[in-house]
Amino acid sequence: MLRFIFKDKEEKGEKKEIRTFWIYAVGEFVLVFLGILIALQVDNWNQDRRVRNLEKAMLHELLANLYSDLDDVETNIGMHNEAISSSKIILSFIDGAEPWNDSLAIHFGNLNIGSIFFENISSYESLKSLGIDLISNDSLRQQITHLYSVSYDYIASLEELSLKHTFEILNVSVAKLLYMTAPMHTYVPLDVSEMRASNEFRHNLMLYLSFNSYQLNTYSKAKDELLSLIDAIEKEIS
């Protein structure tokens, strides 16, 4: 009888040991699993922090480039305003009967004005190589892409057409009717009456005025877009 009692106690003890073993085993597994999850979470957090730091650095670079582009745009706006003003003065002169005066020479010299937009795209090219999706703000990403891929490309194509007209068409008319004087970039008519009678010169001058007016409008829109993007990036950085 005692042998059965001892045997029963031994079996119960073995079961208890097995149960204790599994409790510890499961506990260790849970601890290891939680440790792995925490490690992954920390790694993801560190990775996200590195990406966000890279994004912020890229936005700072973009901002510096955009301020440089804004200066260039404002310079070109000034040039087109000057070209438009001189074109209107010349048109008034050739359509009128006023005698020549030397103050007009500088306005004829301004018929050589043609803007070239020196946009700084280094930071945008870097961003593209990293992936445009680095910019987490969807609206900001769309603004950046539109400026560089649409607005800047349009300015470049418009400038190409305008410069082609200025130097290949208008300047041919100028060379027939005016000569350069000292200081440089001032012009005087060879014959005022002949210049006033030239439909070719007047037509090309009107085209020059139209190109400059259109470019002025395009640059003014680009300036507004630049200011809006600069403001958006500064808010995102802060």
C-alpha atoms as a PDB file:
ATOM      1  CA  MET A   1       0.000   0.000   0.000  1.00  0.00           C
ATOM      2  CA  LEU A   2       2.812   2.396   0.900  1.00  0.00           C
ATOM      3  CA  ARG A   3       4.491   1.583  -2.398  1.00  0.00           C
ATOM      4  CA  PHE A   4       1.421   2.856  -4.318  1.00  0.00           C
ATOM      5  CA  ILE A   5       1.281   6.021  -2.231  1.00  0.00           C
ATOM      6  CA  PHE A   6       4.954   6.788  -2.893  1.00  0.00           C
ATOM      7  CA  LYS A   7       4.543   5.998  -6.564  1.00  0.00           C
ATOM      8  CA  ASP A   8       1.577   8.362  -6.814  1.00  0.00           C
ATOM      9  CA  LYS A   9       3.556  11.125  -5.110  1.00  0.00           C
ATOM     10  CA  GLU A  10       6.470  10.567  -7.469  1.00  0.00           C
ATOM     11  CA  GLU A  11       4.201  10.842 -10.502  1.00  0.00           C
ATOM     12  CA  LYS A  12       2.636  14.034  -9.168  1.00  0.00           C
ATOM     13  CA  GLY A  13       6.088  15.466  -8.535  1.00  0.00           C
ATOM     14  CA  GLU A  14       7.203  14.657 -12.066  1.00  0.00           C
ATOM     15  CA  LYS A  15       4.083  16.290 -13.514  1.00  0.00           C
ATOM     16  CA  LYS A  16       4.706  19.395 -11.413  1.00  0.00           C
ATOM     17  CA  GLU A  17       8.301  19.572 -12.619  1.00  0.00           C
ATOM     18  CA  ILE A  18       7.166  19.194 -16.239  1.00  0.00           C
ATOM     19  CA  ARG A  19       4.532  21.898 -15.770  1.00  0.00           C
ATOM     20  CA  THR A  20       7.092  24.216 -14.153  1.00  0.00           C
ATOM     21  CA  PHE A  21       9.518  23.553 -17.005  1.00  0.00           C
ATOM     22  CA  TRP A  22       6.953  24.504 -19.622  1.00  0.00           C
ATOM     23  CA  ILE A  23       5.941  27.617 -17.719  1.00  0.00           C
ATOM     24  CA  TYR A  24       9.561  28.760 -17.668  1.00  0.00           C
ATOM     25  CA  ALA A  25      10.045  27.732 -21.307  1.00  0.00           C
ATOM     26  CA  VAL A  26       6.991  29.657 -22.453  1.00  0.00           C
ATOM     27  CA  GLY A  27       8.015  32.597 -20.284  1.00  0.00           C
ATOM     28  CA  GLU A  28      11.507  32.656 -21.819  1.00  0.00           C
ATOM     29  CA  PHE A  29      10.003  32.391 -25.319  1.00  0.00           C
ATOM     30  CA  VAL A  30       7.689  35.335 -24.620  1.00  0.00           C
ATOM     31  CA  LEU A  31      10.580  37.377 -23.242  1.00  0.00           C
ATOM     32  CA  VAL A  32      12.737  36.602 -26.291  1.00  0.00           C
ATOM     33  CA  PHE A  33       9.841  37.380 -28.629  1.00  0.00           C
ATOM     34  CA  LEU A  34       9.160  40.680 -26.860  1.00  0.00           C
ATOM     35  CA  GLY A  35      12.863  41.493 -26.987  1.00  0.00           C
ATOM     36  CA  ILE A  36      12.926  40.919 -30.732  1.00  0.00           C
ATOM     37  CA  LEU A  37       9.819  43.074 -31.208  1.00  0.00           C
ATOM     38  CA  ILE A  38      11.320  45.874 -29.133  1.00  0.00           C
ATOM     39  CA  ALA A  39      14.613  45.639 -31.036  1.00  0.00           C
ATOM     40  CA  LEU A  40      12.776  45.804 -34.359  1.00  0.00           C
ATOM     41  CA  GLN A  41      10.718  48.738 -33.131  1.00  0.00           C
ATOM     42  CA  VAL A  42      13.849  50.592 -32.035  1.00  0.00           C
ATOM     43  CA  ASP A  43      15.536  49.804 -35.356  1.00  0.00           C
ATOM     44  CA  ASN A  44      12.487  51.054 -37.266  1.00  0.00           C
ATOM     45  CA  TRP A  45      12.405  54.176 -35.134  1.00  0.00           C
ATOM     46  CA  ASN A  46      16.097  54.828 -35.767  1.00  0.00           C
ATOM     47  CA  GLN A  47      15.620  54.194 -39.488  1.00  0.00           C
ATOM     48  CA  ASP A  48      12.653  56.561 -39.603  1.00  0.00           C
ATOM     49  CA  ARG A  49      14.663  59.181 -37.732  1.00  0.00           C
ATOM     50  CA  ARG A  50      17.530  58.856 -40.237  1.00  0.00           C
ATOM     51  CA  VAL A  51      15.079  59.222 -43.155  1.00  0.00           C
ATOM     52  CA  ARG A  52      13.444  62.271 -41.572  1.00  0.00           C
ATOM     53  CA  ASN A  53      16.865  63.842 -40.906  1.00  0.00           C
ATOM     54  CA  LEU A  54      17.818  63.218 -44.542  1.00  0.00           C
ATOM     55  CA  GLU A  55      14.514  64.737 -45.666  1.00  0.00           C
ATOM     56  CA  LYS A  56      15.153  67.818 -43.544  1.00  0.00           C
ATOM     57  CA  ALA A  57      18.676  68.176 -44.932  1.00  0.00           C
ATOM     58  CA  MET A  58      17.354  67.936 -48.493  1.00  0.00           C
ATOM     59  CA  LEU A  59      14.701  70.561 -47.775  1.00  0.00           C
ATOM     60  CA  HIS A  60      17.398  72.913 -46.469  1.00  0.00           C
ATOM     61  CA  GLU A  61      19.396  72.399 -49.689  1.00  0.00           C
ATOM     62  CA  LEU A  62      16.298  72.952 -51.807  1.00  0.00           C
ATOM     63  CA  LEU A  63      15.544  76.123 -49.904  1.00  0.00           C
ATOM     64  CA  ALA A  64      19.014  77.545 -50.619  1.00  0.00           C
ATOM     65  CA  ASN A  65      18.617  76.726 -54.330  1.00  0.00           C
ATOM     66  CA  LEU A  66      15.152  78.278 -54.453  1.00  0.00           C
ATOM     67  CA  TYR A  67      16.372  81.550 -52.943  1.00  0.00           C
ATOM     68  CA  SER A  68      19.098  81.629 -55.606  1.00  0.00           C
ATOM     69  CA  ASP A  69      16.488  80.988 -58.317  1.00  0.00           C
ATOM     70  CA  LEU A  70      14.279  83.736 -56.865  1.00  0.00           C
ATOM     71  CA  ASP A  71      17.118  86.262 -57.236  1.00  0.00           C
ATOM     72  CA  ASP A  72      17.594  85.207 -60.866  1.00  0.00           C
ATOM     73  CA  VAL A  73      13.859  85.409 -61.585  1.00  0.00           C
ATOM     74  CA  GLU A  74      13.655  88.907 -60.099  1.00  0.00           C
ATOM     75  CA  THR A  75      16.649  90.003 -62.202  1.00  0.00           C
ATOM     76  CA  ASN A  76      14.969  88.684 -65.358  1.00  0.00           C
ATOM     77  CA  ILE A  77      11.698  90.395 -64.439  1.00  0.00           C
ATOM     78  CA  GLY A  78      13.622  93.672 -64.270  1.00  0.00           C
ATOM     79  CA  MET A  79      15.217  93.002 -67.667  1.00  0.00           C
ATOM     80  CA  HIS A  80      11.877  92.296 -69.339  1.00  0.00           C
ATOM     81  CA  ASN A  81      10.320  95.390 -67.793  1.00  0.00           C
ATOM     82  CA  GLU A  82      13.186  97.419 -69.218  1.00  0.00           C
ATOM     83  CA  ALA A  83      12.837  95.810 -72.661  1.00  0.00           C
ATOM     84  CA  ILE A  84       9.065  96.431 -72.682  1.00  0.00           C
ATOM     85  CA  SER A  85       9.489 100.063 -71.656  1.00  0.00           C
ATOM     86  CA  SER A  86      12.117 100.704 -74.355  1.00  0.00           C
ATOM     87  CA  SER A  87      10.054  98.904 -77.006  1.00  0.00           C
ATOM     88  CA  LYS A  88       7.042 101.113 -76.281  1.00  0.00           C
ATOM     89  CA  ILE A  89       9.174 104.263 -76.424  1.00  0.00           C
ATOM     90  CA  ILE A  90      10.648 103.175 -79.783  1.00  0.00           C
ATOM     91  CA  LEU A  91       7.208 102.331 -81.174  1.00  0.00           C
ATOM     92  CA  SER A  92       5.943 105.738 -80.101  1.00  0.00           C
ATOM     93  CA  PHE A  93       8.918 107.351 -81.800  1.00  0.00           C
ATOM     94  CA  ILE A  94       8.657 105.526 -85.125  1.00  0.00           C
ATOM     95  CA  ASP A  95       4.880 106.037 -85.250  1.00  0.00           C
ATOM     96  CA  GLY A  96       5.240 109.753 -84.488  1.00  0.00           C
ATOM     97  CA  ALA A  97       6.955 112.729 -86.030  1.00  0.00           C
ATOM     98  CA  GLU A  98       9.285 113.813 -83.239  1.00  0.00           C
ATOM     99  CA  PRO A  99      12.898 114.455 -84.297  1.00  0.00           C
ATOM    100  CA  TRP A 100      15.680 112.154 -83.170  1.00  0.00           C
ATOM    101  CA  ASN A 101      17.268 112.822 -79.776  1.00  0.00           C
ATOM    102  CA  ASP A 102      20.264 111.069 -78.256  1.00  0.00           C
ATOM    103  CA  SER A 103      18.296 109.765 -75.258  1.00  0.00           C
ATOM    104  CA  LEU A 104      16.654 107.285 -77.634  1.00  0.00           C
ATOM    105  CA  ALA A 105      19.977 105.547 -78.357  1.00  0.00           C
ATOM    106  CA  ILE A 106      19.915 103.572 -75.119  1.00  0.00           C
ATOM    107  CA  HIS A 107      16.374 102.375 -75.815  1.00  0.00           C
ATOM    108  CA  PHE A 108      17.383 101.054 -79.220  1.00  0.00           C
ATOM    109  CA  GLY A 109      20.312  99.356 -77.476  1.00  0.00           C
ATOM    110  CA  ASN A 110      17.834  97.585 -75.215  1.00  0.00           C
ATOM    111  CA  LEU A 111      16.510  95.693 -78.237  1.00  0.00           C
ATOM    112  CA  ASN A 112      19.347  93.259 -77.501  1.00  0.00           C
ATOM    113  CA  ILE A 113      17.954  92.338 -74.107  1.00  0.00           C
ATOM    114  CA  GLY A 114      17.262  88.649 -73.718  1.00  0.00           C
ATOM    115  CA  SER A 115      16.997  86.760 -70.446  1.00  0.00           C
ATOM    116  CA  ILE A 116      18.535  83.397 -69.628  1.00  0.00           C
ATOM    117  CA  PHE A 117      17.275  81.615 -66.543  1.00  0.00           C
ATOM    118  CA  PHE A 118      20.146  80.033 -64.617  1.00  0.00           C
ATOM    119  CA  GLU A 119      18.112  77.770 -62.385  1.00  0.00           C
ATOM    120  CA  ASN A 120      19.939  75.824 -59.678  1.00  0.00           C
ATOM    121  CA  ILE A 121      18.701  72.240 -59.901  1.00  0.00           C
ATOM    122  CA  SER A 122      21.517  70.446 -58.042  1.00  0.00           C
ATOM    123  CA  SER A 123      19.451  69.727 -54.930  1.00  0.00           C
ATOM    124  CA  TYR A 124      16.464  68.585 -57.008  1.00  0.00           C
ATOM    125  CA  GLU A 125      18.679  66.178 -58.952  1.00  0.00           C
ATOM    126  CA  SER A 126      19.991  64.821 -55.641  1.00  0.00           C
ATOM    127  CA  LEU A 127      16.432  64.414 -54.401  1.00  0.00           C
ATOM    128  CA  LYS A 128      15.451  62.529 -57.548  1.00  0.00           C
ATOM    129  CA  SER A 129      18.400  60.166 -57.126  1.00  0.00           C
ATOM    130  CA  LEU A 130      17.337  59.478 -53.532  1.00  0.00           C
ATOM    131  CA  GLY A 131      13.689  59.160 -54.516  1.00  0.00           C
ATOM    132  CA  ILE A 132      11.154  61.971 -54.597  1.00  0.00           C
ATOM    133  CA  ASP A 133       9.076  60.007 -52.073  1.00  0.00           C
ATOM    134  CA  LEU A 134      11.636  61.060 -49.473  1.00  0.00           C
ATOM    135  CA  ILE A 135       9.432  64.158 -49.107  1.00  0.00           C
ATOM    136  CA  SER A 136       6.697  62.865 -46.813  1.00  0.00           C
ATOM    137  CA  ASN A 137       4.300  65.789 -47.282  1.00  0.00           C
ATOM    138  CA  ASP A 138       2.247  64.959 -50.399  1.00  0.00           C
ATOM    139  CA  SER A 139       1.284  68.568 -51.143  1.00  0.00           C
ATOM    140  CA  LEU A 140       4.861  69.800 -50.759  1.00  0.00           C
ATOM    141  CA  ARG A 141       6.172  66.993 -52.959  1.00  0.00           C
ATOM    142  CA  GLN A 142       3.706  67.955 -55.701  1.00  0.00           C
ATOM    143  CA  GLN A 143       4.718  71.631 -55.464  1.00  0.00           C
ATOM    144  CA  ILE A 144       8.396  70.759 -55.826  1.00  0.00           C
ATOM    145  CA  THR A 145       7.797  68.446 -58.780  1.00  0.00           C
ATOM    146  CA  HIS A 146       5.590  70.971 -60.595  1.00  0.00           C
ATOM    147  CA  LEU A 147       8.102  73.801 -60.235  1.00  0.00           C
ATOM    148  CA  TYR A 148      11.096  71.850 -61.521  1.00  0.00           C
ATOM    149  CA  SER A 149       9.409  69.585 -64.065  1.00  0.00           C
ATOM    150  CA  VAL A 150       6.756  71.931 -65.468  1.00  0.00           C
ATOM    151  CA  SER A 151       7.361  75.620 -64.732  1.00  0.00           C
ATOM    152  CA  TYR A 152      11.141  75.599 -65.216  1.00  0.00           C
ATOM    153  CA  ASP A 153      10.887  73.557 -68.427  1.00  0.00           C
ATOM    154  CA  TYR A 154       8.292  75.982 -69.797  1.00  0.00           C
ATOM    155  CA  ILE A 155      10.502  78.990 -69.021  1.00  0.00           C
ATOM    156  CA  ALA A 156      13.421  77.332 -70.825  1.00  0.00           C
ATOM    157  CA  SER A 157      11.369  76.582 -73.961  1.00  0.00           C
ATOM    158  CA  LEU A 158       9.925  80.102 -74.027  1.00  0.00           C
ATOM    159  CA  GLU A 159      13.359  81.674 -73.645  1.00  0.00           C
ATOM    160  CA  GLU A 160      14.692  79.591 -76.508  1.00  0.00           C
ATOM    161  CA  LEU A 161      11.984  80.923 -78.837  1.00  0.00           C
ATOM    162  CA  SER A 162      12.440  84.503 -77.636  1.00  0.00           C
ATOM    163  CA  LEU A 163      16.229  84.506 -77.991  1.00  0.00           C
ATOM    164  CA  LYS A 164      15.929  82.971 -81.450  1.00  0.00           C
ATOM    165  CA  HIS A 165      13.623  85.803 -82.529  1.00  0.00           C
ATOM    166  CA  THR A 166      15.807  88.500 -80.931  1.00  0.00           C
ATOM    167  CA  PHE A 167      19.157  87.431 -82.341  1.00  0.00           C
ATOM    168  CA  GLU A 168      18.130  85.827 -85.628  1.00  0.00           C
ATOM    169  CA  ILE A 169      15.251  88.055 -86.743  1.00  0.00           C
ATOM    170  CA  LEU A 170      15.018  91.377 -84.904  1.00  0.00           C
ATOM    171  CA  ASN A 171      18.774  92.004 -84.933  1.00  0.00           C
ATOM    172  CA  VAL A 172      18.808  91.505 -88.700  1.00  0.00           C
ATOM    173  CA  SER A 173      16.321  94.373 -89.010  1.00  0.00           C
ATOM    174  CA  VAL A 174      18.343  96.459 -86.565  1.00  0.00           C
ATOM    175  CA  ALA A 175      21.565  95.885 -88.520  1.00  0.00           C
ATOM    176  CA  LYS A 176      19.893  97.205 -91.689  1.00  0.00           C
ATOM    177  CA  LEU A 177      18.637 100.420 -90.112  1.00  0.00           C
ATOM    178  CA  LEU A 178      20.880 101.314 -87.141  1.00  0.00           C
ATOM    179  CA  TYR A 179      24.562 101.384 -86.201  1.00  0.00           C
ATOM    180  CA  MET A 180      26.212 100.891 -82.842  1.00  0.00           C
ATOM    181  CA  THR A 181      27.781 103.904 -81.167  1.00  0.00           C
ATOM    182  CA  ALA A 182      30.033 104.465 -78.175  1.00  0.00           C
ATOM    183  CA  PRO A 183      29.323 103.585 -75.439  1.00  0.00           C
ATOM    184  CA  MET A 184      28.457 100.027 -76.419  1.00  0.00           C
ATOM    185  CA  HIS A 185      24.847  98.867 -76.612  1.00  0.00           C
ATOM    186  CA  THR A 186      23.511 102.169 -77.879  1.00  0.00           C
ATOM    187  CA  TYR A 187      22.197 102.466 -81.431  1.00  0.00           C
ATOM    188  CA  VAL A 188      21.471 105.337 -83.795  1.00  0.00           C
ATOM    189  CA  PRO A 189      19.335 105.112 -86.973  1.00  0.00           C
ATOM    190  CA  LEU A 190      21.140 105.361 -90.287  1.00  0.00           C
ATOM    191  CA  ASP A 191      18.083 107.127 -91.652  1.00  0.00           C
ATOM    192  CA  VAL A 192      15.121 107.987 -89.389  1.00  0.00           C
ATOM    193  CA  SER A 193      12.677 108.258 -92.288  1.00  0.00           C
ATOM    194  CA  GLU A 194      13.696 104.874 -93.675  1.00  0.00           C
ATOM    195  CA  MET A 195      13.370 103.277 -90.242  1.00  0.00           C
ATOM    196  CA  ARG A 196       9.915 104.763 -89.754  1.00  0.00           C
ATOM    197  CA  ALA A 197       8.845 103.449 -93.142  1.00  0.00           C
ATOM    198  CA  SER A 198      10.094  99.905 -92.506  1.00  0.00           C
ATOM    199  CA  ASN A 199       7.153  97.564 -91.923  1.00  0.00           C
ATOM    200  CA  GLU A 200       9.599  94.708 -91.337  1.00  0.00           C
ATOM    201  CA  PHE A 201      11.291  96.543 -88.454  1.00  0.00           C
ATOM    202  CA  ARG A 202       7.975  97.544 -86.893  1.00  0.00           C
ATOM    203  CA  HIS A 203       6.607  93.997 -87.192  1.00  0.00           C
ATOM    204  CA  ASN A 204       9.699  92.456 -85.602  1.00  0.00           C
ATOM    205  CA  LEU A 205       9.665  95.105 -82.877  1.00  0.00           C
ATOM    206  CA  MET A 206       6.050  94.252 -82.079  1.00  0.00           C
ATOM    207  CA  LEU A 207       6.957  90.575 -81.821  1.00  0.00           C
ATOM    208  CA  TYR A 208       9.838  91.480 -79.523  1.00  0.00           C
ATOM    209  CA  LEU A 209       7.439  93.452 -77.335  1.00  0.00           C
ATOM    210  CA  SER A 210       4.997  90.540 -77.281  1.00  0.00           C
ATOM    211  CA  PHE A 211       7.688  88.009 -76.368  1.00  0.00           C
ATOM    212  CA  ASN A 212       8.939  90.192 -73.518  1.00  0.00           C
ATOM    213  CA  SER A 213       5.426  90.823 -72.230  1.00  0.00           C
ATOM    214  CA  TYR A 214       4.671  87.122 -72.272  1.00  0.00           C
ATOM    215  CA  GLN A 215       7.978  86.272 -70.587  1.00  0.00           C
ATOM    216  CA  LEU A 216       7.358  88.925 -67.953  1.00  0.00           C
ATOM    217  CA  ASN A 217       4.012  87.320 -67.164  1.00  0.00           C
ATOM    218  CA  THR A 218       5.612  83.857 -67.051  1.00  0.00           C
ATOM    219  CA  TYR A 219       8.404  85.008 -64.740  1.00  0.00           C
ATOM    220  CA  SER A 220       5.918  86.800 -62.495  1.00  0.00           C
ATOM    221  CA  LYS A 221       3.964  83.541 -62.112  1.00  0.00           C
ATOM    222  CA  ALA A 222       7.209  81.667 -61.453  1.00  0.00           C
ATOM    223  CA  LYS A 223       8.085  84.190 -58.755  1.00  0.00           C
ATOM    224  CA  ASP A 224       4.726  83.626 -57.055  1.00  0.00           C
ATOM    225  CA  GLU A 225       5.251  79.863 -57.279  1.00  0.00           C
ATOM    226  CA  LEU A 226       8.752  80.169 -55.833  1.00  0.00           C
ATOM    227  CA  LEU A 227       7.569  82.304 -52.931  1.00  0.00           C
ATOM    228  CA  SER A 228       4.763  79.848 -52.204  1.00  0.00           C
ATOM    229  CA  LEU A 229       7.136  76.859 -52.260  1.00  0.00           C
ATOM    230  CA  ILE A 230       9.728  78.648 -50.112  1.00  0.00           C
ATOM    231  CA  ASP A 231       7.038  79.419 -47.555  1.00  0.00           C
ATOM    232  CA  ALA A 232       5.792  75.799 -47.600  1.00  0.00           C
ATOM    233  CA  ILE A 233       9.300  74.384 -47.103  1.00  0.00           C
ATOM    234  CA  GLU A 234      10.092  76.783 -44.272  1.00  0.00           C
ATOM    235  CA  LYS A 235       6.891  75.737 -42.517  1.00  0.00           C
ATOM    236  CA  GLU A 236       7.700  72.054 -43.060  1.00  0.00           C
ATOM    237  CA  ILE A 237      11.218  72.457 -41.651  1.00  0.00           C
ATOM    238  CA  SER A 238       9.992  74.348 -38.610  1.00  0.00           C
END
